[in-house]
Amino acid sequence: MSNETLTVLVFSHRDEVREAIISAVGRKPAPDLPKLRYVEAGTIAEVLVEADSGGVDLAILDGEAQPTGGMGLSRQLKNEITHCPPIVVAVRRKDDRWLATWSQADAVIVHPLDPLAAAETVAEVLRSQRLPAAQG
């Protein structure tokens, strides 16, 4: 279905971080995937409303967000939402990658964002979530 789009929720309390993530990943992270439509969230409440709605295909959370970081939010979403979308957490240091295990995130991207690496990471996570034609 060529008109299909995937919805990506991007969370950070800072506009410029959301813009950097969207710019790095792009509207079409891989030729074999549909275009992405972004929904931005600047507060935890906005993230919870969007995630609960069931219309999010992927969430990218800022690990440095205030007052609650993306890693803690990832863990909360994974534990509280029955059909939680896959989650990518953006961290500031490569050494923080281990926290993805604790946060239950599906993947990590590191600031400053490398557009090729960010797009490929998002593409890999989206591919791993796509089911065969029949979903039952």
C-alpha atoms as a PDB file:
ATOM      1  CA  MET A   1       0.000   0.000   0.000  1.00  0.00           C
ATOM      2  CA  SER A   2       1.958   3.011  -1.242  1.00  0.00           C
ATOM      3  CA  ASN A   3      -0.211   5.629   0.497  1.00  0.00           C
ATOM      4  CA  GLU A   4       0.436   4.128   3.903  1.00  0.00           C
ATOM      5  CA  THR A   5       2.158   6.299   6.474  1.00  0.00           C
ATOM      6  CA  LEU A   6       3.562   5.434   9.869  1.00  0.00           C
ATOM      7  CA  THR A   7       3.043   7.722  12.840  1.00  0.00           C
ATOM      8  CA  VAL A   8       6.084   8.561  14.942  1.00  0.00           C
ATOM      9  CA  LEU A   9       5.664  10.296  18.300  1.00  0.00           C
ATOM     10  CA  VAL A  10       8.654  12.496  19.189  1.00  0.00           C
ATOM     11  CA  PHE A  11       8.951  13.636  22.814  1.00  0.00           C
ATOM     12  CA  SER A  12      11.180  16.283  24.331  1.00  0.00           C
ATOM     13  CA  HIS A  13      10.446  19.301  26.495  1.00  0.00           C
ATOM     14  CA  ARG A  14      12.700  21.255  24.102  1.00  0.00           C
ATOM     15  CA  ASP A  15      11.450  22.210  20.610  1.00  0.00           C
ATOM     16  CA  GLU A  16      14.969  22.185  19.165  1.00  0.00           C
ATOM     17  CA  VAL A  17      15.560  18.585  20.287  1.00  0.00           C
ATOM     18  CA  ARG A  18      12.315  17.426  18.668  1.00  0.00           C
ATOM     19  CA  GLU A  19      13.288  19.278  15.478  1.00  0.00           C
ATOM     20  CA  ALA A  20      16.779  17.705  15.504  1.00  0.00           C
ATOM     21  CA  ILE A  21      15.328  14.197  15.870  1.00  0.00           C
ATOM     22  CA  ILE A  22      12.774  14.721  13.082  1.00  0.00           C
ATOM     23  CA  SER A  23      15.420  16.237  10.816  1.00  0.00           C
ATOM     24  CA  ALA A  24      17.905  13.415  11.476  1.00  0.00           C
ATOM     25  CA  VAL A  25      15.433  10.565  10.913  1.00  0.00           C
ATOM     26  CA  GLY A  26      13.662  12.230   7.991  1.00  0.00           C
ATOM     27  CA  ARG A  27      10.291  11.586   6.376  1.00  0.00           C
ATOM     28  CA  LYS A  28      11.355   8.301   4.757  1.00  0.00           C
ATOM     29  CA  PRO A  29      14.146   6.552   6.673  1.00  0.00           C
ATOM     30  CA  ALA A  30      14.416   3.650   4.201  1.00  0.00           C
ATOM     31  CA  PRO A  31      13.184   2.902   0.664  1.00  0.00           C
ATOM     32  CA  ASP A  32      11.259  -0.190   1.806  1.00  0.00           C
ATOM     33  CA  LEU A  33       9.261   1.662   4.463  1.00  0.00           C
ATOM     34  CA  PRO A  34       6.295   4.037   4.166  1.00  0.00           C
ATOM     35  CA  LYS A  35       6.652   7.751   4.797  1.00  0.00           C
ATOM     36  CA  LEU A  36       6.624   8.919   8.397  1.00  0.00           C
ATOM     37  CA  ARG A  37       4.160  11.359   9.912  1.00  0.00           C
ATOM     38  CA  TYR A  38       5.420  13.017  13.071  1.00  0.00           C
ATOM     39  CA  VAL A  39       3.414  13.922  16.153  1.00  0.00           C
ATOM     40  CA  GLU A  40       5.319  16.091  18.613  1.00  0.00           C
ATOM     41  CA  ALA A  41       4.849  15.998  22.383  1.00  0.00           C
ATOM     42  CA  GLY A  42       6.382  18.452  24.821  1.00  0.00           C
ATOM     43  CA  THR A  43       4.911  17.008  28.020  1.00  0.00           C
ATOM     44  CA  ILE A  44       4.462  13.589  29.606  1.00  0.00           C
ATOM     45  CA  ALA A  45       0.686  14.077  29.521  1.00  0.00           C
ATOM     46  CA  GLU A  46       0.784  14.553  25.732  1.00  0.00           C
ATOM     47  CA  VAL A  47       2.884  11.386  25.349  1.00  0.00           C
ATOM     48  CA  LEU A  48       0.449   9.363  27.469  1.00  0.00           C
ATOM     49  CA  VAL A  49      -2.585  10.582  25.488  1.00  0.00           C
ATOM     50  CA  GLU A  50      -0.928   9.758  22.151  1.00  0.00           C
ATOM     51  CA  ALA A  51       0.425   6.380  23.297  1.00  0.00           C
ATOM     52  CA  ASP A  52      -2.941   5.389  24.821  1.00  0.00           C
ATOM     53  CA  SER A  53      -4.709   6.284  21.567  1.00  0.00           C
ATOM     54  CA  GLY A  54      -3.128   3.315  19.804  1.00  0.00           C
ATOM     55  CA  GLY A  55      -2.303   5.338  16.686  1.00  0.00           C
ATOM     56  CA  VAL A  56       1.456   5.531  17.269  1.00  0.00           C
ATOM     57  CA  ASP A  57       3.725   3.167  15.308  1.00  0.00           C
ATOM     58  CA  LEU A  58       6.955   4.272  17.022  1.00  0.00           C
ATOM     59  CA  ALA A  59       7.946   6.646  19.815  1.00  0.00           C
ATOM     60  CA  ILE A  60      11.273   8.478  19.974  1.00  0.00           C
ATOM     61  CA  LEU A  61      11.897   9.838  23.469  1.00  0.00           C
ATOM     62  CA  ASP A  62      14.531  12.347  24.582  1.00  0.00           C
ATOM     63  CA  GLY A  63      16.532  10.699  27.343  1.00  0.00           C
ATOM     64  CA  GLU A  64      17.469  14.150  28.686  1.00  0.00           C
ATOM     65  CA  ALA A  65      13.917  15.538  28.862  1.00  0.00           C
ATOM     66  CA  GLN A  66      12.863  17.372  32.010  1.00  0.00           C
ATOM     67  CA  PRO A  67      11.356  16.801  34.502  1.00  0.00           C
ATOM     68  CA  THR A  68      11.015  13.158  33.449  1.00  0.00           C
ATOM     69  CA  GLY A  69      13.543  11.716  31.023  1.00  0.00           C
ATOM     70  CA  GLY A  70      12.747   9.463  28.122  1.00  0.00           C
ATOM     71  CA  MET A  71      14.293   6.414  29.768  1.00  0.00           C
ATOM     72  CA  GLY A  72      11.959   6.488  32.740  1.00  0.00           C
ATOM     73  CA  LEU A  73       9.044   7.284  30.446  1.00  0.00           C
ATOM     74  CA  SER A  74       9.973   4.359  28.190  1.00  0.00           C
ATOM     75  CA  ARG A  75       9.903   1.972  31.140  1.00  0.00           C
ATOM     76  CA  GLN A  76       6.548   3.384  32.283  1.00  0.00           C
ATOM     77  CA  LEU A  77       4.994   3.033  28.818  1.00  0.00           C
ATOM     78  CA  LYS A  78       6.320  -0.519  28.334  1.00  0.00           C
ATOM     79  CA  ASN A  79       4.879  -1.556  31.701  1.00  0.00           C
ATOM     80  CA  GLU A  80       1.543   0.262  31.514  1.00  0.00           C
ATOM     81  CA  ILE A  81       0.361   0.161  27.888  1.00  0.00           C
ATOM     82  CA  THR A  82      -0.896  -3.191  26.669  1.00  0.00           C
ATOM     83  CA  HIS A  83       0.036  -2.645  23.016  1.00  0.00           C
ATOM     84  CA  CYS A  84       2.945  -0.288  23.539  1.00  0.00           C
ATOM     85  CA  PRO A  85       4.585   0.926  20.326  1.00  0.00           C
ATOM     86  CA  PRO A  86       8.309   0.304  19.903  1.00  0.00           C
ATOM     87  CA  ILE A  87      10.445   2.963  21.559  1.00  0.00           C
ATOM     88  CA  VAL A  88      13.761   4.544  20.601  1.00  0.00           C
ATOM     89  CA  VAL A  89      15.500   6.657  23.265  1.00  0.00           C
ATOM     90  CA  ALA A  90      17.858   9.486  22.304  1.00  0.00           C
ATOM     91  CA  VAL A  91      20.773   9.734  24.750  1.00  0.00           C
ATOM     92  CA  ARG A  92      23.657  12.193  25.045  1.00  0.00           C
ATOM     93  CA  ARG A  93      26.477   9.725  25.680  1.00  0.00           C
ATOM     94  CA  LYS A  94      27.323   6.391  24.083  1.00  0.00           C
ATOM     95  CA  ASP A  95      28.021   5.146  27.603  1.00  0.00           C
ATOM     96  CA  ASP A  96      24.296   5.562  28.379  1.00  0.00           C
ATOM     97  CA  ARG A  97      23.321   2.847  25.876  1.00  0.00           C
ATOM     98  CA  TRP A  98      23.166   0.273  28.696  1.00  0.00           C
ATOM     99  CA  LEU A  99      20.223   2.177  30.134  1.00  0.00           C
ATOM    100  CA  ALA A 100      18.149   1.047  27.167  1.00  0.00           C
ATOM    101  CA  THR A 101      18.024  -2.382  28.794  1.00  0.00           C
ATOM    102  CA  TRP A 102      16.654  -0.908  32.018  1.00  0.00           C
ATOM    103  CA  SER A 103      14.243   1.383  30.171  1.00  0.00           C
ATOM    104  CA  GLN A 104      13.018  -1.519  27.983  1.00  0.00           C
ATOM    105  CA  ALA A 105      13.569   0.660  24.904  1.00  0.00           C
ATOM    106  CA  ASP A 106      13.829  -1.159  21.590  1.00  0.00           C
ATOM    107  CA  ALA A 107      16.840   0.899  20.473  1.00  0.00           C
ATOM    108  CA  VAL A 108      19.001   3.918  21.277  1.00  0.00           C
ATOM    109  CA  ILE A 109      20.283   6.800  19.166  1.00  0.00           C
ATOM    110  CA  VAL A 110      23.068   9.086  20.400  1.00  0.00           C
ATOM    111  CA  HIS A 111      23.324  12.897  20.259  1.00  0.00           C
ATOM    112  CA  PRO A 112      24.702  14.559  18.278  1.00  0.00           C
ATOM    113  CA  LEU A 113      22.511  12.644  15.884  1.00  0.00           C
ATOM    114  CA  ASP A 114      24.082  11.143  12.789  1.00  0.00           C
ATOM    115  CA  PRO A 115      21.276  11.229  10.183  1.00  0.00           C
ATOM    116  CA  LEU A 116      22.373   7.955   8.566  1.00  0.00           C
ATOM    117  CA  ALA A 117      22.628   6.092  11.883  1.00  0.00           C
ATOM    118  CA  ALA A 118      19.386   7.598  13.243  1.00  0.00           C
ATOM    119  CA  ALA A 119      17.416   6.743  10.097  1.00  0.00           C
ATOM    120  CA  GLU A 120      18.822   3.197   9.978  1.00  0.00           C
ATOM    121  CA  THR A 121      18.075   2.594  13.674  1.00  0.00           C
ATOM    122  CA  VAL A 122      14.479   3.779  13.245  1.00  0.00           C
ATOM    123  CA  ALA A 123      14.112   1.717  10.061  1.00  0.00           C
ATOM    124  CA  GLU A 124      15.383  -1.428  11.821  1.00  0.00           C
ATOM    125  CA  VAL A 125      12.943  -0.981  14.694  1.00  0.00           C
ATOM    126  CA  LEU A 126      10.022  -0.349  12.329  1.00  0.00           C
ATOM    127  CA  ARG A 127      10.921  -3.373  10.196  1.00  0.00           C
ATOM    128  CA  SER A 128      11.075  -5.600  13.266  1.00  0.00           C
ATOM    129  CA  GLN A 129       7.530  -4.548  14.199  1.00  0.00           C
ATOM    130  CA  ARG A 130       5.907  -5.049  10.823  1.00  0.00           C
ATOM    131  CA  LEU A 131       3.847  -8.213  10.741  1.00  0.00           C
ATOM    132  CA  PRO A 132       3.121 -10.494   7.798  1.00  0.00           C
ATOM    133  CA  ALA A 133       0.037  -9.540   5.771  1.00  0.00           C
ATOM    134  CA  ALA A 134      -2.522 -11.166   8.098  1.00  0.00           C
ATOM    135  CA  GLN A 135      -2.662  -9.898  11.636  1.00  0.00           C
ATOM    136  CA  GLY A 136      -5.792 -11.712  12.798  1.00  0.00           C
END
